[in-house]
PDB file of N, CA and C in Angstrom:
ATOM      1  N   MET A   1     -66.336 -36.657 -12.283  1.00  0.00           N
ATOM      2  CA  MET A   1     -66.814 -35.398 -11.744  1.00  0.00           C
ATOM      3  C   MET A   1     -67.875 -34.857 -12.706  1.00  0.00           C
ATOM      4  N   ASN A   2     -69.041 -34.567 -12.182  1.00  0.00           N
ATOM      5  CA  ASN A   2     -70.112 -34.036 -13.024  1.00  0.00           C
ATOM      6  C   ASN A   2     -70.025 -32.509 -13.114  1.00  0.00           C
ATOM      7  N   ASP A   3     -70.936 -31.916 -13.889  1.00  0.00           N
ATOM      8  CA  ASP A   3     -70.893 -30.465 -14.098  1.00  0.00           C
ATOM      9  C   ASP A   3     -71.095 -29.690 -12.795  1.00  0.00           C
ATOM     10  N   PHE A   4     -71.946 -30.195 -11.924  1.00  0.00           N
ATOM     11  CA  PHE A   4     -72.169 -29.548 -10.626  1.00  0.00           C
ATOM     12  C   PHE A   4     -70.871 -29.510  -9.827  1.00  0.00           C
ATOM     13  N   ASP A   5     -70.176 -30.630  -9.787  1.00  0.00           N
ATOM     14  CA  ASP A   5     -68.895 -30.696  -9.072  1.00  0.00           C
ATOM     15  C   ASP A   5     -67.869 -29.751  -9.700  1.00  0.00           C
ATOM     16  N   LYS A   6     -67.828 -29.717 -11.025  1.00  0.00           N
ATOM     17  CA  LYS A   6     -66.878 -28.831 -11.719  1.00  0.00           C
ATOM     18  C   LYS A   6     -67.153 -27.367 -11.395  1.00  0.00           C
ATOM     19  N   ASP A   7     -68.433 -27.000 -11.350  1.00  0.00           N
ATOM     20  CA  ASP A   7     -68.784 -25.622 -10.988  1.00  0.00           C
ATOM     21  C   ASP A   7     -68.349 -25.308  -9.562  1.00  0.00           C
ATOM     22  N   ASN A   8     -68.549 -26.248  -8.665  1.00  0.00           N
ATOM     23  CA  ASN A   8     -68.132 -26.035  -7.277  1.00  0.00           C
ATOM     24  C   ASN A   8     -66.618 -25.941  -7.166  1.00  0.00           C
ATOM     25  N   LEU A   9     -65.911 -26.789  -7.877  1.00  0.00           N
ATOM     26  CA  LEU A   9     -64.454 -26.731  -7.863  1.00  0.00           C
ATOM     27  C   LEU A   9     -63.973 -25.377  -8.374  1.00  0.00           C
ATOM     28  N   GLU A  10     -64.597 -24.899  -9.430  1.00  0.00           N
ATOM     29  CA  GLU A  10     -64.250 -23.576  -9.967  1.00  0.00           C
ATOM     30  C   GLU A  10     -64.442 -22.501  -8.891  1.00  0.00           C
ATOM     31  N   PHE A  11     -65.521 -22.603  -8.141  1.00  0.00           N
ATOM     32  CA  PHE A  11     -65.769 -21.650  -7.053  1.00  0.00           C
ATOM     33  C   PHE A  11     -64.681 -21.758  -5.992  1.00  0.00           C
ATOM     34  N   PHE A  12     -64.336 -22.966  -5.592  1.00  0.00           N
ATOM     35  CA  PHE A  12     -63.324 -23.151  -4.549  1.00  0.00           C
ATOM     36  C   PHE A  12     -61.952 -22.623  -4.978  1.00  0.00           C
ATOM     37  N   LEU A  13     -61.615 -22.808  -6.235  1.00  0.00           N
ATOM     38  CA  LEU A  13     -60.288 -22.431  -6.706  1.00  0.00           C
ATOM     39  C   LEU A  13     -60.194 -20.996  -7.206  1.00  0.00           C
ATOM     40  N   HIS A  14     -61.269 -20.487  -7.786  1.00  0.00           N
ATOM     41  CA  HIS A  14     -61.170 -19.195  -8.461  1.00  0.00           C
ATOM     42  C   HIS A  14     -62.277 -18.223  -8.078  1.00  0.00           C
ATOM     43  N   GLY A  15     -63.067 -18.582  -7.094  1.00  0.00           N
ATOM     44  CA  GLY A  15     -64.193 -17.735  -6.723  1.00  0.00           C
ATOM     45  C   GLY A  15     -63.768 -16.456  -6.024  1.00  0.00           C
ATOM     46  N   ASP A  16     -64.726 -15.600  -5.869  1.00  0.00           N
ATOM     47  CA  ASP A  16     -64.542 -14.346  -5.163  1.00  0.00           C
ATOM     48  C   ASP A  16     -64.150 -14.632  -3.708  1.00  0.00           C
ATOM     49  N   GLU A  17     -63.136 -13.945  -3.232  1.00  0.00           N
ATOM     50  CA  GLU A  17     -62.617 -14.210  -1.884  1.00  0.00           C
ATOM     51  C   GLU A  17     -63.680 -13.971  -0.810  1.00  0.00           C
ATOM     52  N   LYS A  18     -64.446 -12.907  -0.953  1.00  0.00           N
ATOM     53  CA  LYS A  18     -65.482 -12.600   0.043  1.00  0.00           C
ATOM     54  C   LYS A  18     -66.546 -13.699   0.076  1.00  0.00           C
ATOM     55  N   GLU A  19     -66.993 -14.128  -1.106  1.00  0.00           N
ATOM     56  CA  GLU A  19     -67.994 -15.197  -1.171  1.00  0.00           C
ATOM     57  C   GLU A  19     -67.446 -16.491  -0.582  1.00  0.00           C
ATOM     58  N   PHE A  20     -66.162 -16.775  -0.830  1.00  0.00           N
ATOM     59  CA  PHE A  20     -65.564 -17.989  -0.285  1.00  0.00           C
ATOM     60  C   PHE A  20     -65.504 -17.907   1.240  1.00  0.00           C
ATOM     61  N   GLU A  21     -65.124 -16.757   1.771  1.00  0.00           N
ATOM     62  CA  GLU A  21     -65.085 -16.597   3.227  1.00  0.00           C
ATOM     63  C   GLU A  21     -66.468 -16.797   3.833  1.00  0.00           C
ATOM     64  N   GLU A  22     -67.505 -16.259   3.182  1.00  0.00           N
ATOM     65  CA  GLU A  22     -68.873 -16.455   3.660  1.00  0.00           C
ATOM     66  C   GLU A  22     -69.247 -17.935   3.636  1.00  0.00           C
ATOM     67  N   TRP A  23     -68.840 -18.615   2.572  1.00  0.00           N
ATOM     68  CA  TRP A  23     -69.124 -20.051   2.486  1.00  0.00           C
ATOM     69  C   TRP A  23     -68.411 -20.799   3.608  1.00  0.00           C
ATOM     70  N   MET A  24     -67.152 -20.440   3.853  1.00  0.00           N
ATOM     71  CA  MET A  24     -66.378 -21.103   4.908  1.00  0.00           C
ATOM     72  C   MET A  24     -67.015 -20.926   6.279  1.00  0.00           C
ATOM     73  N   GLU A  25     -67.567 -19.744   6.550  1.00  0.00           N
ATOM     74  CA  GLU A  25     -68.188 -19.478   7.848  1.00  0.00           C
ATOM     75  C   GLU A  25     -69.401 -20.364   8.107  1.00  0.00           C
ATOM     76  N   GLN A  26     -70.112 -20.752   7.070  1.00  0.00           N
ATOM     77  CA  GLN A  26     -71.315 -21.563   7.257  1.00  0.00           C
ATOM     78  C   GLN A  26     -71.107 -23.037   6.893  1.00  0.00           C
ATOM     79  N   ALA A  27     -69.936 -23.380   6.374  1.00  0.00           N
ATOM     80  CA  ALA A  27     -69.687 -24.742   5.880  1.00  0.00           C
ATOM     81  C   ALA A  27     -69.638 -25.745   7.027  1.00  0.00           C
ATOM     82  N   SER A  28     -70.248 -26.889   6.793  1.00  0.00           N
ATOM     83  CA  SER A  28     -70.184 -27.988   7.753  1.00  0.00           C
ATOM     84  C   SER A  28     -68.926 -28.807   7.484  1.00  0.00           C
ATOM     85  N   SER A  29     -68.645 -29.752   8.350  1.00  0.00           N
ATOM     86  CA  SER A  29     -67.484 -30.618   8.125  1.00  0.00           C
ATOM     87  C   SER A  29     -67.681 -31.447   6.862  1.00  0.00           C
ATOM     88  N   GLU A  30     -68.937 -31.796   6.549  1.00  0.00           N
ATOM     89  CA  GLU A  30     -69.218 -32.529   5.312  1.00  0.00           C
ATOM     90  C   GLU A  30     -68.935 -31.662   4.087  1.00  0.00           C
ATOM     91  N   ASP A  31     -69.272 -30.376   4.185  1.00  0.00           N
ATOM     92  CA  ASP A  31     -68.982 -29.457   3.085  1.00  0.00           C
ATOM     93  C   ASP A  31     -67.476 -29.354   2.846  1.00  0.00           C
ATOM     94  N   LEU A  32     -66.723 -29.254   3.922  1.00  0.00           N
ATOM     95  CA  LEU A  32     -65.266 -29.158   3.808  1.00  0.00           C
ATOM     96  C   LEU A  32     -64.677 -30.440   3.239  1.00  0.00           C
ATOM     97  N   ASP A  33     -65.209 -31.589   3.666  1.00  0.00           N
ATOM     98  CA  ASP A  33     -64.756 -32.873   3.119  1.00  0.00           C
ATOM     99  C   ASP A  33     -65.034 -32.944   1.620  1.00  0.00           C
ATOM    100  N   TYR A  34     -66.209 -32.464   1.211  1.00  0.00           N
ATOM    101  CA  TYR A  34     -66.583 -32.448  -0.202  1.00  0.00           C
ATOM    102  C   TYR A  34     -65.624 -31.569  -1.001  1.00  0.00           C
ATOM    103  N   ALA A  35     -65.331 -30.378  -0.490  1.00  0.00           N
ATOM    104  CA  ALA A  35     -64.417 -29.464  -1.181  1.00  0.00           C
ATOM    105  C   ALA A  35     -63.038 -30.097  -1.328  1.00  0.00           C
ATOM    106  N   LEU A  36     -62.550 -30.700  -0.266  1.00  0.00           N
ATOM    107  CA  LEU A  36     -61.236 -31.346  -0.314  1.00  0.00           C
ATOM    108  C   LEU A  36     -61.243 -32.511  -1.299  1.00  0.00           C
ATOM    109  N   LYS A  37     -62.332 -33.253  -1.338  1.00  0.00           N
ATOM    110  CA  LYS A  37     -62.449 -34.373  -2.278  1.00  0.00           C
ATOM    111  C   LYS A  37     -62.359 -33.866  -3.720  1.00  0.00           C
ATOM    112  N   LEU A  38     -63.055 -32.776  -4.022  1.00  0.00           N
ATOM    113  CA  LEU A  38     -63.006 -32.219  -5.379  1.00  0.00           C
ATOM    114  C   LEU A  38     -61.601 -31.773  -5.742  1.00  0.00           C
ATOM    115  N   ILE A  39     -60.917 -31.151  -4.799  1.00  0.00           N
ATOM    116  CA  ILE A  39     -59.553 -30.689  -5.055  1.00  0.00           C
ATOM    117  C   ILE A  39     -58.627 -31.878  -5.291  1.00  0.00           C
ATOM    118  N   ARG A  40     -58.801 -32.926  -4.529  1.00  0.00           N
ATOM    119  CA  ARG A  40     -57.968 -34.127  -4.715  1.00  0.00           C
ATOM    120  C   ARG A  40     -58.235 -34.782  -6.065  1.00  0.00           C
ATOM    121  N   ILE A  41     -59.496 -34.830  -6.479  1.00  0.00           N
ATOM    122  CA  ILE A  41     -59.834 -35.398  -7.785  1.00  0.00           C
ATOM    123  C   ILE A  41     -59.187 -34.573  -8.895  1.00  0.00           C
ATOM    124  N   ALA A  42     -59.286 -33.252  -8.782  1.00  0.00           N
ATOM    125  CA  ALA A  42     -58.685 -32.376  -9.789  1.00  0.00           C
ATOM    126  C   ALA A  42     -57.173 -32.558  -9.830  1.00  0.00           C
ATOM    127  N   LYS A  43     -56.548 -32.694  -8.676  1.00  0.00           N
ATOM    128  CA  LYS A  43     -55.102 -32.911  -8.625  1.00  0.00           C
ATOM    129  C   LYS A  43     -54.737 -34.218  -9.334  1.00  0.00           C
ATOM    130  N   ALA A  44     -55.486 -35.276  -9.064  1.00  0.00           N
ATOM    131  CA  ALA A  44     -55.213 -36.568  -9.698  1.00  0.00           C
ATOM    132  C   ALA A  44     -55.366 -36.473 -11.213  1.00  0.00           C
ATOM    133  N   GLU A  45     -56.394 -35.741 -11.672  1.00  0.00           N
ATOM    134  CA  GLU A  45     -56.596 -35.578 -13.109  1.00  0.00           C
ATOM    135  C   GLU A  45     -55.443 -34.797 -13.739  1.00  0.00           C
ATOM    136  N   MET A  46     -54.973 -33.774 -13.050  1.00  0.00           N
ATOM    137  CA  MET A  46     -53.851 -32.991 -13.573  1.00  0.00           C
ATOM    138  C   MET A  46     -52.578 -33.831 -13.629  1.00  0.00           C
ATOM    139  N   LEU A  47     -52.340 -34.627 -12.613  1.00  0.00           N
ATOM    140  CA  LEU A  47     -51.160 -35.495 -12.624  1.00  0.00           C
ATOM    141  C   LEU A  47     -51.232 -36.509 -13.756  1.00  0.00           C
ATOM    142  N   GLU A  48     -52.422 -37.050 -13.974  1.00  0.00           N
ATOM    143  CA  GLU A  48     -52.597 -38.009 -15.073  1.00  0.00           C
ATOM    144  C   GLU A  48     -52.306 -37.346 -16.413  1.00  0.00           C
ATOM    145  N   GLN A  49     -52.792 -36.127 -16.609  1.00  0.00           N
ATOM    146  CA  GLN A  49     -52.517 -35.403 -17.851  1.00  0.00           C
ATOM    147  C   GLN A  49     -51.025 -35.125 -17.991  1.00  0.00           C
ATOM    148  N   HIS A  50     -50.389 -34.783 -16.886  1.00  0.00           N
ATOM    149  CA  HIS A  50     -48.946 -34.514 -16.898  1.00  0.00           C
ATOM    150  C   HIS A  50     -48.173 -35.759 -17.328  1.00  0.00           C
ATOM    151  N   TYR A  51     -48.512 -36.892 -16.727  1.00  0.00           N
ATOM    152  CA  TYR A  51     -47.795 -38.127 -17.062  1.00  0.00           C
ATOM    153  C   TYR A  51     -48.108 -38.583 -18.476  1.00  0.00           C
ATOM    154  N   ASP A  52     -49.331 -38.354 -18.943  1.00  0.00           N
ATOM    155  CA  ASP A  52     -49.660 -38.675 -20.335  1.00  0.00           C
ATOM    156  C   ASP A  52     -48.803 -37.853 -21.288  1.00  0.00           C
ATOM    157  N   PHE A  53     -48.609 -36.584 -20.953  1.00  0.00           N
ATOM    158  CA  PHE A  53     -47.781 -35.718 -21.788  1.00  0.00           C
ATOM    159  C   PHE A  53     -46.339 -36.208 -21.805  1.00  0.00           C
ATOM    160  N   ILE A  54     -45.814 -36.540 -20.639  1.00  0.00           N
ATOM    161  CA  ILE A  54     -44.432 -37.029 -20.556  1.00  0.00           C
ATOM    162  C   ILE A  54     -44.286 -38.323 -21.361  1.00  0.00           C
ATOM    163  N   ASP A  55     -45.267 -39.209 -21.262  1.00  0.00           N
ATOM    164  CA  ASP A  55     -45.221 -40.460 -22.020  1.00  0.00           C
ATOM    165  C   ASP A  55     -45.294 -40.216 -23.518  1.00  0.00           C
ATOM    166  N   ALA A  56     -45.961 -39.150 -23.929  1.00  0.00           N
ATOM    167  CA  ALA A  56     -46.108 -38.856 -25.354  1.00  0.00           C
ATOM    168  C   ALA A  56     -44.808 -38.333 -25.959  1.00  0.00           C
ATOM    169  N   VAL A  57     -43.906 -37.842 -25.131  1.00  0.00           N
ATOM    170  CA  VAL A  57     -42.626 -37.311 -25.609  1.00  0.00           C
ATOM    171  C   VAL A  57     -41.498 -38.045 -24.871  1.00  0.00           C
ATOM    172  N   PRO A  58     -41.288 -39.317 -25.215  1.00  0.00           N
ATOM    173  CA  PRO A  58     -40.321 -40.103 -24.442  1.00  0.00           C
ATOM    174  C   PRO A  58     -38.862 -39.858 -24.804  1.00  0.00           C
ATOM    175  N   HIS A  59     -38.600 -39.443 -26.034  1.00  0.00           N
ATOM    176  CA  HIS A  59     -37.220 -39.324 -26.479  1.00  0.00           C
ATOM    177  C   HIS A  59     -36.889 -37.865 -26.787  1.00  0.00           C
ATOM    178  N   THR A  60     -36.341 -37.191 -25.826  1.00  0.00           N
ATOM    179  CA  THR A  60     -36.012 -35.788 -26.028  1.00  0.00           C
ATOM    180  C   THR A  60     -34.517 -35.567 -26.181  1.00  0.00           C
ATOM    181  N   TYR A  61     -33.733 -36.630 -26.046  1.00  0.00           N
ATOM    182  CA  TYR A  61     -32.283 -36.486 -26.094  1.00  0.00           C
ATOM    183  C   TYR A  61     -31.823 -35.863 -27.421  1.00  0.00           C
ATOM    184  N   ASP A  62     -32.328 -36.389 -28.548  1.00  0.00           N
ATOM    185  CA  ASP A  62     -31.920 -35.864 -29.854  1.00  0.00           C
ATOM    186  C   ASP A  62     -32.292 -34.396 -30.005  1.00  0.00           C
ATOM    187  N   ALA A  63     -33.475 -34.049 -29.556  1.00  0.00           N
ATOM    188  CA  ALA A  63     -33.903 -32.652 -29.655  1.00  0.00           C
ATOM    189  C   ALA A  63     -33.020 -31.757 -28.798  1.00  0.00           C
ATOM    190  N   LYS A  64     -32.684 -32.207 -27.607  1.00  0.00           N
ATOM    191  CA  LYS A  64     -31.817 -31.413 -26.729  1.00  0.00           C
ATOM    192  C   LYS A  64     -30.434 -31.238 -27.347  1.00  0.00           C
ATOM    193  N   GLN A  65     -29.914 -32.274 -27.957  1.00  0.00           N
ATOM    194  CA  GLN A  65     -28.605 -32.185 -28.602  1.00  0.00           C
ATOM    195  C   GLN A  65     -28.645 -31.183 -29.750  1.00  0.00           C
ATOM    196  N   LEU A  66     -29.704 -31.216 -30.540  1.00  0.00           N
ATOM    197  CA  LEU A  66     -29.855 -30.284 -31.652  1.00  0.00           C
ATOM    198  C   LEU A  66     -29.950 -28.848 -31.139  1.00  0.00           C
ATOM    199  N   LEU A  67     -30.717 -28.645 -30.093  1.00  0.00           N
ATOM    200  CA  LEU A  67     -30.885 -27.287 -29.542  1.00  0.00           C
ATOM    201  C   LEU A  67     -29.580 -26.741 -28.950  1.00  0.00           C
ATOM    202  N   LYS A  68     -28.715 -27.606 -28.481  1.00  0.00           N
ATOM    203  CA  LYS A  68     -27.445 -27.149 -27.935  1.00  0.00           C
ATOM    204  C   LYS A  68     -26.629 -26.394 -28.980  1.00  0.00           C
ATOM    205  N   GLN A  69     -26.771 -26.768 -30.229  1.00  0.00           N
ATOM    206  CA  GLN A  69     -26.044 -26.083 -31.298  1.00  0.00           C
ATOM    207  C   GLN A  69     -26.415 -24.607 -31.354  1.00  0.00           C
ATOM    208  N   PHE A  70     -27.638 -24.294 -31.011  1.00  0.00           N
ATOM    209  CA  PHE A  70     -28.139 -22.925 -31.113  1.00  0.00           C
ATOM    210  C   PHE A  70     -28.032 -22.150 -29.804  1.00  0.00           C
ATOM    211  N   THR A  71     -27.779 -22.853 -28.705  1.00  0.00           N
ATOM    212  CA  THR A  71     -27.743 -22.173 -27.411  1.00  0.00           C
ATOM    213  C   THR A  71     -26.339 -22.002 -26.870  1.00  0.00           C
ATOM    214  N   LYS A  72     -25.345 -22.603 -27.535  1.00  0.00           N
ATOM    215  CA  LYS A  72     -23.963 -22.432 -27.070  1.00  0.00           C
ATOM    216  C   LYS A  72     -23.525 -20.991 -27.251  1.00  0.00           C
ATOM    217  N   ARG A  73     -22.773 -20.533 -26.314  1.00  0.00           N
ATOM    218  CA  ARG A  73     -22.297 -19.140 -26.396  1.00  0.00           C
ATOM    219  C   ARG A  73     -20.814 -19.120 -26.582  1.00  0.00           C
TER     220      ARG A  73
END
């Protein structure tokens, strides 16, 4: 995803509601396909980051056992 795509994704996800509605009123089917494609790419990137994080912390059992000592009531 290039900078232009990132700027557009930012608009789609966090833009002003009125401006987005105006864009939707004039958007072609190709525009909508493009927006959906950007959202799907962003979702895939977020999932990849999520799984990378999970892989980086594979052994949490010991930590959970240690924390239980402090959370028991």
